[in-house]
């Protein structure tokens, strides 16, 4: 499974189980090049891509304002060759439901 988390002023989460799309995302991550350190973090433009194995192990990639981020914004690096990855995340947003929005709607009706 792939979980795409996006915080652009509000949180959104998308869960993907399509093996081809997950493989494409992994391949896109492999294309990314780290260019240089960047010392500014943006507080409302965070993304993470989480790969979850069948036994629950997780591998997380963090991004801040389109830059690669280690340790959730502690170390930020400018990147290049990320266009394919951003195209995939756009596709995920268009094709998959926001799990956080669905949960908040359910909770609203349960109240």
Foldseek 3Di string as FASTA:
>chain_A
DKWKWWFQVHIFIFDDDPPVLVVQLVVQVVQKDFDAWDQDFDPGTKMKIWDADPVGDIDIWIAGPQWTDDPHNPTTTRMPSNVSNVVSVVVRPVPTHGPVVVVVVVVVVVD
